[in-house]
């Protein structure tokens, strides 16, 4: 068996893949992110990810940071719209050291007031840094266009005003409501017997009482296409177009992943890159993205270009989208598209850290992991008719929204 799983009596799940590498990767994925915030709490999930390392009843901030780094380990964390992950990479003999630290910050963080004040300034500086990077900010702003008025549309970082309002009580309230054992997964890729990993999990996490999420997420359903142009003091124009995409549980999610990869994926032979950059030289970067969520998704195309090339680039994009909606792929075209995606997935599996993070996400969403072979089978099962159907459902020009940052 490639993946081994176990559930503690309190509901915390464990997923492990054994490797012979001397470096281990282990994390805790929590099914709680920025969409679980109330309007007043915007930015709180991400702020907690910062301050959870700032002190416990046993350790001060510098002790937490040094605990793994003193043995060459790397400590990290991230927050998304739907989950939070605390993870570390370290030499495999230090699993117990990591579990001791992870359980301490998860269950015993004290969130000292002076650390909160200091970290608020750091996160505000992070917010301001995005304002200097329009090619990054436009992705967040486009979420607001697509998910207008919904928690999924709000910036994960929050706003300076809301950050300044957060106190220890707000942090503990959010954690109590959202950090429940039934929504936690310990994910591991490393050189350790699974039985020992389970014993460590029992020792450091097993005594926590079982908790279950009581609040349910508000689903997104009211999508209304819109177009917006914002004046910015940039050299380039930045543009995004897109619409609602399939949720994580949609039966044709793999179809849309394949469609996205063909249109504007990382390959230099993507249709948009070939048509816009290679043929006409209108832009340096053009790409498409598909991000599924538990109940919805977003499909988008981004490009940055000289202001004089915006309409020409949009015209080419519209032609490429029309080709996907109107022309069914032939046998050889479909075969090449599948081979390319299968190869890219295989390469991504070469990174043990990426696989560890993917394992945690998959367990949160589906309570199971697809092996590389199972993923390949899903890709191979996609038909030309399914691609055509997905293109017409997701790439309908009448449903497209647009956001332009224009000098």
Foldseek 3Di string as FASTA:
>chain_A
DQWDKDAFPLQAIEIEGEDPDQKKKKKKKFFAAQLPDDPLCQQVRVLCQVQLLADFPVDGNVCLCCQQVVQPKDWDWDGDRTMIMTMMMGGQVCPLSVLQSVLRSLPTRDRDPVVLVVVLVVLQVVVVVVVVPVLVVVVLCVLCQFQPPHSSNGDNNGHSVSSVVDDPVNNVVSCLQGRFSNRMYMFMYYHDPVVVVVVSCCVRPNVDHHDDHDDDRDAGDDGDAAEEEAEDPDQKKKKKKFHKAAAPPDPCPLLVVLLQCQQFNPDCNRPLNCQQCVPPNFFDDKGWDWAHHHRIIMIMIITIGGPVCPVVSVVSSVVVLVCQQPPQDDPVRLVVSLVVVLVVVVVLVVDNNSVRVVVRVCCSRPVDDDDSVRSSVSSVPDHSVSSNVNSCVTVPPNRMHMYMHHD
